[in-house]
mmCIF file of all heavy atoms, coordinates in Angstrom:
data_MODEL
# 
_entry.id   MODEL 
# 
loop_
_atom_site.group_PDB 
_atom_site.id 
_atom_site.type_symbol 
_atom_site.label_atom_id 
_atom_site.label_alt_id 
_atom_site.label_comp_id 
_atom_site.label_asym_id 
_atom_site.label_entity_id 
_atom_site.label_seq_id 
_atom_site.pdbx_PDB_ins_code 
_atom_site.Cartn_x 
_atom_site.Cartn_y 
_atom_site.Cartn_z 
_atom_site.occupancy 
_atom_site.B_iso_or_equiv 
_atom_site.pdbx_formal_charge 
_atom_site.auth_seq_id 
_atom_site.auth_comp_id 
_atom_site.auth_asym_id 
_atom_site.auth_atom_id 
_atom_site.pdbx_PDB_model_num 
ATOM 1   N N   . VAL A 1 1  ? 290.128 88.337  48.724 1.00 0.00 ? 1  VAL A N   1 
ATOM 2   C CA  . VAL A 1 1  ? 290.668 88.848  50.058 1.00 0.00 ? 1  VAL A CA  1 
ATOM 3   C C   . VAL A 1 1  ? 289.523 89.340  50.773 1.00 0.00 ? 1  VAL A C   1 
ATOM 4   O O   . VAL A 1 1  ? 288.477 89.790  50.324 1.00 0.00 ? 1  VAL A O   1 
ATOM 5   C CB  . VAL A 1 1  ? 291.555 89.898  49.621 1.00 0.00 ? 1  VAL A CB  1 
ATOM 6   C CG1 . VAL A 1 1  ? 291.929 90.855  50.974 1.00 0.00 ? 1  VAL A CG1 1 
ATOM 7   C CG2 . VAL A 1 1  ? 292.838 89.465  48.922 1.00 0.00 ? 1  VAL A CG2 1 
ATOM 8   N N   . VAL A 1 2  ? 289.580 89.162  52.213 1.00 0.00 ? 2  VAL A N   1 
ATOM 9   C CA  . VAL A 1 2  ? 288.594 89.539  53.036 1.00 0.00 ? 2  VAL A CA  1 
ATOM 10  C C   . VAL A 1 2  ? 288.973 90.907  53.631 1.00 0.00 ? 2  VAL A C   1 
ATOM 11  O O   . VAL A 1 2  ? 290.101 91.113  54.160 1.00 0.00 ? 2  VAL A O   1 
ATOM 12  C CB  . VAL A 1 2  ? 288.348 88.544  54.233 1.00 0.00 ? 2  VAL A CB  1 
ATOM 13  C CG1 . VAL A 1 2  ? 287.331 88.940  55.246 1.00 0.00 ? 2  VAL A CG1 1 
ATOM 14  C CG2 . VAL A 1 2  ? 287.994 87.210  53.634 1.00 0.00 ? 2  VAL A CG2 1 
ATOM 15  N N   . LEU A 1 3  ? 288.008 91.937  53.621 1.00 0.00 ? 3  LEU A N   1 
ATOM 16  C CA  . LEU A 1 3  ? 288.322 93.204  54.042 1.00 0.00 ? 3  LEU A CA  1 
ATOM 17  C C   . LEU A 1 3  ? 287.208 93.687  55.151 1.00 0.00 ? 3  LEU A C   1 
ATOM 18  O O   . LEU A 1 3  ? 286.101 93.174  54.908 1.00 0.00 ? 3  LEU A O   1 
ATOM 19  C CB  . LEU A 1 3  ? 288.358 94.283  53.048 1.00 0.00 ? 3  LEU A CB  1 
ATOM 20  C CG  . LEU A 1 3  ? 289.343 94.026  51.914 1.00 0.00 ? 3  LEU A CG  1 
ATOM 21  C CD1 . LEU A 1 3  ? 288.690 93.520  50.676 1.00 0.00 ? 3  LEU A CD1 1 
ATOM 22  C CD2 . LEU A 1 3  ? 290.134 95.296  51.595 1.00 0.00 ? 3  LEU A CD2 1 
ATOM 23  N N   . THR A 1 4  ? 287.719 94.472  56.223 1.00 0.00 ? 4  THR A N   1 
ATOM 24  C CA  . THR A 1 4  ? 286.633 94.798  57.252 1.00 0.00 ? 4  THR A CA  1 
ATOM 25  C C   . THR A 1 4  ? 286.881 96.192  57.531 1.00 0.00 ? 4  THR A C   1 
ATOM 26  O O   . THR A 1 4  ? 288.024 96.628  57.660 1.00 0.00 ? 4  THR A O   1 
ATOM 27  C CB  . THR A 1 4  ? 286.597 93.816  58.396 1.00 0.00 ? 4  THR A CB  1 
ATOM 28  O OG1 . THR A 1 4  ? 285.491 94.085  59.187 1.00 0.00 ? 4  THR A OG1 1 
ATOM 29  C CG2 . THR A 1 4  ? 287.969 93.871  59.176 1.00 0.00 ? 4  THR A CG2 1 
ATOM 30  N N   . ASP A 1 5  ? 285.966 96.945  57.989 1.00 0.00 ? 5  ASP A N   1 
ATOM 31  C CA  . ASP A 1 5  ? 285.960 98.290  58.416 1.00 0.00 ? 5  ASP A CA  1 
ATOM 32  C C   . ASP A 1 5  ? 284.703 98.757  59.013 1.00 0.00 ? 5  ASP A C   1 
ATOM 33  O O   . ASP A 1 5  ? 283.713 98.784  58.257 1.00 0.00 ? 5  ASP A O   1 
ATOM 34  C CB  . ASP A 1 5  ? 286.534 99.233  57.332 1.00 0.00 ? 5  ASP A CB  1 
ATOM 35  C CG  . ASP A 1 5  ? 286.736 100.657 57.801 1.00 0.00 ? 5  ASP A CG  1 
ATOM 36  O OD1 . ASP A 1 5  ? 287.566 100.776 58.900 1.00 0.00 ? 5  ASP A OD1 1 
ATOM 37  O OD2 . ASP A 1 5  ? 286.242 101.656 57.279 1.00 0.00 ? 5  ASP A OD2 1 
ATOM 38  N N   . ASP A 1 6  ? 284.793 99.103  60.249 1.00 0.00 ? 6  ASP A N   1 
ATOM 39  C CA  . ASP A 1 6  ? 283.611 99.884  60.894 1.00 0.00 ? 6  ASP A CA  1 
ATOM 40  C C   . ASP A 1 6  ? 282.295 99.044  60.703 1.00 0.00 ? 6  ASP A C   1 
ATOM 41  O O   . ASP A 1 6  ? 281.234 99.686  60.355 1.00 0.00 ? 6  ASP A O   1 
ATOM 42  C CB  . ASP A 1 6  ? 283.435 101.271 60.273 1.00 0.00 ? 6  ASP A CB  1 
ATOM 43  C CG  . ASP A 1 6  ? 282.528 102.260 61.140 1.00 0.00 ? 6  ASP A CG  1 
ATOM 44  O OD1 . ASP A 1 6  ? 282.360 101.922 62.323 1.00 0.00 ? 6  ASP A OD1 1 
ATOM 45  O OD2 . ASP A 1 6  ? 282.029 103.213 60.561 1.00 0.00 ? 6  ASP A OD2 1 
ATOM 46  N N   . GLY A 1 7  ? 282.319 97.760  60.986 1.00 0.00 ? 7  GLY A N   1 
ATOM 47  C CA  . GLY A 1 7  ? 281.038 97.013  61.060 1.00 0.00 ? 7  GLY A CA  1 
ATOM 48  C C   . GLY A 1 7  ? 280.767 96.565  59.618 1.00 0.00 ? 7  GLY A C   1 
ATOM 49  O O   . GLY A 1 7  ? 279.791 95.745  59.501 1.00 0.00 ? 7  GLY A O   1 
ATOM 50  N N   . CYS A 1 8  ? 281.502 96.782  58.665 1.00 0.00 ? 8  CYS A N   1 
ATOM 51  C CA  . CYS A 1 8  ? 281.215 96.299  57.230 1.00 0.00 ? 8  CYS A CA  1 
ATOM 52  C C   . CYS A 1 8  ? 282.339 95.282  56.743 1.00 0.00 ? 8  CYS A C   1 
ATOM 53  O O   . CYS A 1 8  ? 283.539 95.729  56.909 1.00 0.00 ? 8  CYS A O   1 
ATOM 54  C CB  . CYS A 1 8  ? 281.186 97.400  56.192 1.00 0.00 ? 8  CYS A CB  1 
ATOM 55  S SG  . CYS A 1 8  ? 280.996 96.902  54.533 1.00 0.00 ? 8  CYS A SG  1 
ATOM 56  N N   . SER A 1 9  ? 281.984 94.181  56.515 1.00 0.00 ? 9  SER A N   1 
ATOM 57  C CA  . SER A 1 9  ? 282.939 93.190  56.076 1.00 0.00 ? 9  SER A CA  1 
ATOM 58  C C   . SER A 1 9  ? 282.554 92.481  54.821 1.00 0.00 ? 9  SER A C   1 
ATOM 59  O O   . SER A 1 9  ? 281.430 92.198  54.628 1.00 0.00 ? 9  SER A O   1 
ATOM 60  C CB  . SER A 1 9  ? 283.270 92.136  57.111 1.00 0.00 ? 9  SER A CB  1 
ATOM 61  O OG  . SER A 1 9  ? 283.561 92.666  58.435 1.00 0.00 ? 9  SER A OG  1 
ATOM 62  N N   . ALA A 1 10 ? 283.532 92.322  53.860 1.00 0.00 ? 10 ALA A N   1 
ATOM 63  C CA  . ALA A 1 10 ? 283.193 91.645  52.595 1.00 0.00 ? 10 ALA A CA  1 
ATOM 64  C C   . ALA A 1 10 ? 284.333 90.898  52.158 1.00 0.00 ? 10 ALA A C   1 
ATOM 65  O O   . ALA A 1 10 ? 285.581 91.137  52.438 1.00 0.00 ? 10 ALA A O   1 
ATOM 66  C CB  . ALA A 1 10 ? 282.804 92.602  51.542 1.00 0.00 ? 10 ALA A CB  1 
ATOM 67  N N   . VAL A 1 11 ? 284.137 89.839  51.282 1.00 0.00 ? 11 VAL A N   1 
ATOM 68  C CA  . VAL A 1 11 ? 285.301 89.191  50.568 1.00 0.00 ? 11 VAL A CA  1 
ATOM 69  C C   . VAL A 1 11 ? 285.189 89.678  49.168 1.00 0.00 ? 11 VAL A C   1 
ATOM 70  O O   . VAL A 1 11 ? 284.071 89.850  48.542 1.00 0.00 ? 11 VAL A O   1 
ATOM 71  C CB  . VAL A 1 11 ? 284.958 87.548  50.669 1.00 0.00 ? 11 VAL A CB  1 
ATOM 72  C CG1 . VAL A 1 11 ? 283.611 87.192  50.061 1.00 0.00 ? 11 VAL A CG1 1 
ATOM 73  C CG2 . VAL A 1 11 ? 286.072 86.907  49.839 1.00 0.00 ? 11 VAL A CG2 1 
ATOM 74  N N   . ALA A 1 12 ? 286.303 90.007  48.653 1.00 0.00 ? 12 ALA A N   1 
ATOM 75  C CA  . ALA A 1 12 ? 286.364 90.638  47.305 1.00 0.00 ? 12 ALA A CA  1 
ATOM 76  C C   . ALA A 1 12 ? 287.349 90.051  46.355 1.00 0.00 ? 12 ALA A C   1 
ATOM 77  O O   . ALA A 1 12 ? 288.341 89.491  46.730 1.00 0.00 ? 12 ALA A O   1 
ATOM 78  C CB  . ALA A 1 12 ? 286.803 92.165  47.645 1.00 0.00 ? 12 ALA A CB  1 
ATOM 79  N N   . VAL A 1 13 ? 287.095 90.116  45.137 1.00 0.00 ? 13 VAL A N   1 
ATOM 80  C CA  . VAL A 1 13 ? 288.053 89.634  44.136 1.00 0.00 ? 13 VAL A CA  1 
ATOM 81  C C   . VAL A 1 13 ? 287.869 90.434  42.781 1.00 0.00 ? 13 VAL A C   1 
ATOM 82  O O   . VAL A 1 13 ? 286.780 90.881  42.432 1.00 0.00 ? 13 VAL A O   1 
ATOM 83  C CB  . VAL A 1 13 ? 287.625 88.089  43.711 1.00 0.00 ? 13 VAL A CB  1 
ATOM 84  C CG1 . VAL A 1 13 ? 286.224 87.993  43.105 1.00 0.00 ? 13 VAL A CG1 1 
ATOM 85  C CG2 . VAL A 1 13 ? 288.688 87.430  42.869 1.00 0.00 ? 13 VAL A CG2 1 
ATOM 86  N N   . PRO A 1 14 ? 288.910 90.798  42.109 1.00 0.00 ? 14 PRO A N   1 
ATOM 87  C CA  . PRO A 1 14 ? 288.799 91.605  40.847 1.00 0.00 ? 14 PRO A CA  1 
ATOM 88  C C   . PRO A 1 14 ? 288.075 90.977  39.929 1.00 0.00 ? 14 PRO A C   1 
ATOM 89  O O   . PRO A 1 14 ? 288.332 89.714  39.696 1.00 0.00 ? 14 PRO A O   1 
ATOM 90  C CB  . PRO A 1 14 ? 290.271 91.856  40.510 1.00 0.00 ? 14 PRO A CB  1 
ATOM 91  C CG  . PRO A 1 14 ? 291.098 91.603  41.811 1.00 0.00 ? 14 PRO A CG  1 
ATOM 92  C CD  . PRO A 1 14 ? 290.354 90.499  42.496 1.00 0.00 ? 14 PRO A CD  1 
ATOM 93  N N   . VAL A 1 15 ? 287.295 91.664  39.119 1.00 0.00 ? 15 VAL A N   1 
ATOM 94  C CA  . VAL A 1 15 ? 286.570 91.080  38.002 1.00 0.00 ? 15 VAL A CA  1 
ATOM 95  C C   . VAL A 1 15 ? 287.517 90.431  36.915 1.00 0.00 ? 15 VAL A C   1 
ATOM 96  O O   . VAL A 1 15 ? 287.244 89.481  36.361 1.00 0.00 ? 15 VAL A O   1 
ATOM 97  C CB  . VAL A 1 15 ? 285.660 92.142  37.362 1.00 0.00 ? 15 VAL A CB  1 
ATOM 98  C CG1 . VAL A 1 15 ? 284.979 91.519  36.154 1.00 0.00 ? 15 VAL A CG1 1 
ATOM 99  C CG2 . VAL A 1 15 ? 284.518 92.563  38.357 1.00 0.00 ? 15 VAL A CG2 1 
ATOM 100 N N   . GLU A 1 16 ? 288.687 91.216  36.789 1.00 0.00 ? 16 GLU A N   1 
ATOM 101 C CA  . GLU A 1 16 ? 289.584 90.692  35.776 1.00 0.00 ? 16 GLU A CA  1 
ATOM 102 C C   . GLU A 1 16 ? 290.019 89.295  35.920 1.00 0.00 ? 16 GLU A C   1 
ATOM 103 O O   . GLU A 1 16 ? 290.245 88.514  34.959 1.00 0.00 ? 16 GLU A O   1 
ATOM 104 C CB  . GLU A 1 16 ? 290.791 91.781  35.487 1.00 0.00 ? 16 GLU A CB  1 
ATOM 105 C CG  . GLU A 1 16 ? 291.765 91.308  34.454 1.00 0.00 ? 16 GLU A CG  1 
ATOM 106 C CD  . GLU A 1 16 ? 292.865 92.344  34.318 1.00 0.00 ? 16 GLU A CD  1 
ATOM 107 O OE1 . GLU A 1 16 ? 292.616 93.515  34.795 1.00 0.00 ? 16 GLU A OE1 1 
ATOM 108 O OE2 . GLU A 1 16 ? 293.874 92.057  33.682 1.00 0.00 ? 16 GLU A OE2 1 
ATOM 109 N N   . THR A 1 17 ? 290.289 88.874  37.215 1.00 0.00 ? 17 THR A N   1 
ATOM 110 C CA  . THR A 1 17 ? 290.800 87.510  37.419 1.00 0.00 ? 17 THR A CA  1 
ATOM 111 C C   . THR A 1 17 ? 289.803 86.624  37.918 1.00 0.00 ? 17 THR A C   1 
ATOM 112 O O   . THR A 1 17 ? 290.167 85.514  38.499 1.00 0.00 ? 17 THR A O   1 
ATOM 113 C CB  . THR A 1 17 ? 291.998 87.766  38.469 1.00 0.00 ? 17 THR A CB  1 
ATOM 114 O OG1 . THR A 1 17 ? 291.562 88.339  39.671 1.00 0.00 ? 17 THR A OG1 1 
ATOM 115 C CG2 . THR A 1 17 ? 293.236 88.423  37.819 1.00 0.00 ? 17 THR A CG2 1 
ATOM 116 N N   . LEU A 1 18 ? 288.543 87.032  37.948 1.00 0.00 ? 18 LEU A N   1 
ATOM 117 C CA  . LEU A 1 18 ? 287.437 86.174  38.465 1.00 0.00 ? 18 LEU A CA  1 
ATOM 118 C C   . LEU A 1 18 ? 287.119 85.018  37.407 1.00 0.00 ? 18 LEU A C   1 
ATOM 119 O O   . LEU A 1 18 ? 287.158 85.257  36.231 1.00 0.00 ? 18 LEU A O   1 
ATOM 120 C CB  . LEU A 1 18 ? 286.151 87.036  38.639 1.00 0.00 ? 18 LEU A CB  1 
ATOM 121 C CG  . LEU A 1 18 ? 284.893 86.433  38.995 1.00 0.00 ? 18 LEU A CG  1 
ATOM 122 C CD1 . LEU A 1 18 ? 285.036 85.718  40.432 1.00 0.00 ? 18 LEU A CD1 1 
ATOM 123 C CD2 . LEU A 1 18 ? 283.765 87.214  38.883 1.00 0.00 ? 18 LEU A CD2 1 
ATOM 124 N N   . ASP A 1 19 ? 286.832 83.871  37.906 1.00 0.00 ? 19 ASP A N   1 
ATOM 125 C CA  . ASP A 1 19 ? 286.516 82.680  36.927 1.00 0.00 ? 19 ASP A CA  1 
ATOM 126 C C   . ASP A 1 19 ? 285.058 82.143  37.378 1.00 0.00 ? 19 ASP A C   1 
ATOM 127 O O   . ASP A 1 19 ? 284.511 82.694  38.406 1.00 0.00 ? 19 ASP A O   1 
ATOM 128 C CB  . ASP A 1 19 ? 287.444 81.550  36.950 1.00 0.00 ? 19 ASP A CB  1 
ATOM 129 C CG  . ASP A 1 19 ? 287.780 81.042  38.314 1.00 0.00 ? 19 ASP A CG  1 
ATOM 130 O OD1 . ASP A 1 19 ? 286.828 80.993  39.210 1.00 0.00 ? 19 ASP A OD1 1 
ATOM 131 O OD2 . ASP A 1 19 ? 288.835 80.495  38.563 1.00 0.00 ? 19 ASP A OD2 1 
ATOM 132 N N   . LYS A 1 20 ? 284.547 81.311  36.634 1.00 0.00 ? 20 LYS A N   1 
ATOM 133 C CA  . LYS A 1 20 ? 283.062 80.850  36.880 1.00 0.00 ? 20 LYS A CA  1 
ATOM 134 C C   . LYS A 1 20 ? 282.979 80.123  38.185 1.00 0.00 ? 20 LYS A C   1 
ATOM 135 O O   . LYS A 1 20 ? 282.005 80.198  38.799 1.00 0.00 ? 20 LYS A O   1 
ATOM 136 C CB  . LYS A 1 20 ? 282.789 79.986  35.728 1.00 0.00 ? 20 LYS A CB  1 
ATOM 137 C CG  . LYS A 1 20 ? 282.507 80.646  34.343 1.00 0.00 ? 20 LYS A CG  1 
ATOM 138 C CD  . LYS A 1 20 ? 282.094 79.692  33.329 1.00 0.00 ? 20 LYS A CD  1 
ATOM 139 C CE  . LYS A 1 20 ? 281.906 80.370  31.923 1.00 0.00 ? 20 LYS A CE  1 
ATOM 140 N NZ  . LYS A 1 20 ? 281.412 79.544  30.920 1.00 0.00 ? 20 LYS A NZ  1 
ATOM 141 N N   . VAL A 1 21 ? 284.097 79.239  38.561 1.00 0.00 ? 21 VAL A N   1 
ATOM 142 C CA  . VAL A 1 21 ? 284.033 78.519  39.780 1.00 0.00 ? 21 VAL A CA  1 
ATOM 143 C C   . VAL A 1 21 ? 283.955 79.453  41.051 1.00 0.00 ? 21 VAL A C   1 
ATOM 144 O O   . VAL A 1 21 ? 283.145 79.270  41.814 1.00 0.00 ? 21 VAL A O   1 
ATOM 145 C CB  . VAL A 1 21 ? 285.221 77.580  39.837 1.00 0.00 ? 21 VAL A CB  1 
ATOM 146 C CG1 . VAL A 1 21 ? 285.281 76.925  41.287 1.00 0.00 ? 21 VAL A CG1 1 
ATOM 147 C CG2 . VAL A 1 21 ? 285.312 76.640  38.778 1.00 0.00 ? 21 VAL A CG2 1 
ATOM 148 N N   . ARG A 1 22 ? 284.830 80.524  41.075 1.00 0.00 ? 22 ARG A N   1 
ATOM 149 C CA  . ARG A 1 22 ? 284.695 81.393  42.172 1.00 0.00 ? 22 ARG A CA  1 
ATOM 150 C C   . ARG A 1 22 ? 283.398 82.241  42.174 1.00 0.00 ? 22 ARG A C   1 
ATOM 151 O O   . ARG A 1 22 ? 283.015 82.535  43.202 1.00 0.00 ? 22 ARG A O   1 
ATOM 152 C CB  . ARG A 1 22 ? 285.946 82.245  42.250 1.00 0.00 ? 22 ARG A CB  1 
ATOM 153 C CG  . ARG A 1 22 ? 287.145 81.562  42.744 1.00 0.00 ? 22 ARG A CG  1 
ATOM 154 C CD  . ARG A 1 22 ? 288.097 82.453  43.569 1.00 0.00 ? 22 ARG A CD  1 
ATOM 155 N NE  . ARG A 1 22 ? 288.968 81.640  44.409 1.00 0.00 ? 22 ARG A NE  1 
ATOM 156 C CZ  . ARG A 1 22 ? 290.137 81.142  43.958 1.00 0.00 ? 22 ARG A CZ  1 
ATOM 157 N NH1 . ARG A 1 22 ? 290.668 81.440  42.890 1.00 0.00 ? 22 ARG A NH1 1 
ATOM 158 N NH2 . ARG A 1 22 ? 290.868 80.486  44.900 1.00 0.00 ? 22 ARG A NH2 1 
ATOM 159 N N   . LEU A 1 23 ? 282.933 82.495  40.949 1.00 0.00 ? 23 LEU A N   1 
ATOM 160 C CA  . LEU A 1 23 ? 281.645 83.224  40.873 1.00 0.00 ? 23 LEU A CA  1 
ATOM 161 C C   . LEU A 1 23 ? 280.557 82.443  41.629 1.00 0.00 ? 23 LEU A C   1 
ATOM 162 O O   . LEU A 1 23 ? 279.801 82.967  42.246 1.00 0.00 ? 23 LEU A O   1 
ATOM 163 C CB  . LEU A 1 23 ? 281.415 83.603  39.418 1.00 0.00 ? 23 LEU A CB  1 
ATOM 164 C CG  . LEU A 1 23 ? 280.040 84.243  39.192 1.00 0.00 ? 23 LEU A CG  1 
ATOM 165 C CD1 . LEU A 1 23 ? 279.819 85.504  40.085 1.00 0.00 ? 23 LEU A CD1 1 
ATOM 166 C CD2 . LEU A 1 23 ? 279.752 84.532  37.766 1.00 0.00 ? 23 LEU A CD2 1 
ATOM 167 N N   . GLN A 1 24 ? 280.590 81.234  41.326 1.00 0.00 ? 24 GLN A N   1 
ATOM 168 C CA  . GLN A 1 24 ? 279.498 80.337  41.868 1.00 0.00 ? 24 GLN A CA  1 
ATOM 169 C C   . GLN A 1 24 ? 279.637 80.214  43.354 1.00 0.00 ? 24 GLN A C   1 
ATOM 170 O O   . GLN A 1 24 ? 278.761 80.250  44.225 1.00 0.00 ? 24 GLN A O   1 
ATOM 171 C CB  . GLN A 1 24 ? 279.595 78.818  41.352 1.00 0.00 ? 24 GLN A CB  1 
ATOM 172 C CG  . GLN A 1 24 ? 279.270 78.742  39.884 1.00 0.00 ? 24 GLN A CG  1 
ATOM 173 C CD  . GLN A 1 24 ? 279.548 77.425  39.269 1.00 0.00 ? 24 GLN A CD  1 
ATOM 174 O OE1 . GLN A 1 24 ? 280.234 76.513  39.970 1.00 0.00 ? 24 GLN A OE1 1 
ATOM 175 N NE2 . GLN A 1 24 ? 279.154 77.145  38.005 1.00 0.00 ? 24 GLN A NE2 1 
ATOM 176 N N   . ASP A 1 25 ? 280.932 80.251  43.888 1.00 0.00 ? 25 ASP A N   1 
ATOM 177 C CA  . ASP A 1 25 ? 281.199 80.281  45.287 1.00 0.00 ? 25 ASP A CA  1 
ATOM 178 C C   . ASP A 1 25 ? 280.701 81.552  45.851 1.00 0.00 ? 25 ASP A C   1 
ATOM 179 O O   . ASP A 1 25 ? 280.145 81.517  47.015 1.00 0.00 ? 25 ASP A O   1 
ATOM 180 C CB  . ASP A 1 25 ? 282.659 80.189  45.579 1.00 0.00 ? 25 ASP A CB  1 
ATOM 181 C CG  . ASP A 1 25 ? 283.177 78.862  45.287 1.00 0.00 ? 25 ASP A CG  1 
ATOM 182 O OD1 . ASP A 1 25 ? 282.442 77.811  45.103 1.00 0.00 ? 25 ASP A OD1 1 
ATOM 183 O OD2 . ASP A 1 25 ? 284.520 78.696  45.055 1.00 0.00 ? 25 ASP A OD2 1 
ATOM 184 N N   . PHE A 1 26 ? 280.900 82.709  45.201 1.00 0.00 ? 26 PHE A N   1 
ATOM 185 C CA  . PHE A 1 26 ? 280.417 83.966  45.759 1.00 0.00 ? 26 PHE A CA  1 
ATOM 186 C C   . PHE A 1 26 ? 278.776 84.014  45.747 1.00 0.00 ? 26 PHE A C   1 
ATOM 187 O O   . PHE A 1 26 ? 278.271 84.445  46.796 1.00 0.00 ? 26 PHE A O   1 
ATOM 188 C CB  . PHE A 1 26 ? 280.881 85.089  44.715 1.00 0.00 ? 26 PHE A CB  1 
ATOM 189 C CG  . PHE A 1 26 ? 282.186 85.710  45.252 1.00 0.00 ? 26 PHE A CG  1 
ATOM 190 C CD1 . PHE A 1 26 ? 283.261 85.029  45.434 1.00 0.00 ? 26 PHE A CD1 1 
ATOM 191 C CD2 . PHE A 1 26 ? 282.253 87.022  45.466 1.00 0.00 ? 26 PHE A CD2 1 
ATOM 192 C CE1 . PHE A 1 26 ? 284.416 85.493  45.804 1.00 0.00 ? 26 PHE A CE1 1 
ATOM 193 C CE2 . PHE A 1 26 ? 283.421 87.631  45.892 1.00 0.00 ? 26 PHE A CE2 1 
ATOM 194 C CZ  . PHE A 1 26 ? 284.629 86.852  46.103 1.00 0.00 ? 26 PHE A CZ  1 
ATOM 195 N N   . VAL A 1 27 ? 278.179 83.473  44.812 1.00 0.00 ? 27 VAL A N   1 
ATOM 196 C CA  . VAL A 1 27 ? 276.852 83.465  44.690 1.00 0.00 ? 27 VAL A CA  1 
ATOM 197 C C   . VAL A 1 27 ? 276.266 82.613  45.812 1.00 0.00 ? 27 VAL A C   1 
ATOM 198 O O   . VAL A 1 27 ? 275.204 82.936  46.399 1.00 0.00 ? 27 VAL A O   1 
ATOM 199 C CB  . VAL A 1 27 ? 276.322 82.930  43.330 1.00 0.00 ? 27 VAL A CB  1 
ATOM 200 C CG1 . VAL A 1 27 ? 274.792 82.581  43.390 1.00 0.00 ? 27 VAL A CG1 1 
ATOM 201 C CG2 . VAL A 1 27 ? 276.635 83.823  42.192 1.00 0.00 ? 27 VAL A CG2 1 
ATOM 202 N N   . ALA A 1 28 ? 276.941 81.631  46.253 1.00 0.00 ? 28 ALA A N   1 
ATOM 203 C CA  . ALA A 1 28 ? 276.429 80.668  47.354 1.00 0.00 ? 28 ALA A CA  1 
ATOM 204 C C   . ALA A 1 28 ? 276.488 81.407  48.664 1.00 0.00 ? 28 ALA A C   1 
ATOM 205 O O   . ALA A 1 28 ? 275.763 80.984  49.596 1.00 0.00 ? 28 ALA A O   1 
ATOM 206 C CB  . ALA A 1 28 ? 277.268 79.453  47.388 1.00 0.00 ? 28 ALA A CB  1 
ATOM 207 N N   . ILE A 1 29 ? 277.300 82.481  48.810 1.00 0.00 ? 29 ILE A N   1 
ATOM 208 C CA  . ILE A 1 29 ? 277.424 83.188  50.047 1.00 0.00 ? 29 ILE A CA  1 
ATOM 209 C C   . ILE A 1 29 ? 276.271 84.138  50.402 1.00 0.00 ? 29 ILE A C   1 
ATOM 210 O O   . ILE A 1 29 ? 275.708 84.240  51.385 1.00 0.00 ? 29 ILE A O   1 
ATOM 211 C CB  . ILE A 1 29 ? 278.807 84.015  50.140 1.00 0.00 ? 29 ILE A CB  1 
ATOM 212 C CG1 . ILE A 1 29 ? 279.978 82.916  50.094 1.00 0.00 ? 29 ILE A CG1 1 
ATOM 213 C CG2 . ILE A 1 29 ? 278.832 84.744  51.383 1.00 0.00 ? 29 ILE A CG2 1 
ATOM 214 C CD1 . ILE A 1 29 ? 281.258 83.475  49.971 1.00 0.00 ? 29 ILE A CD1 1 
# 
């Protein structure tokens, strides 16, 4: 999910439901 507030924006995912594929996608960002 993408969240933004007061100039700070991030894409976030819970660790519990994180998998290796999405982790690689995050690292690439």
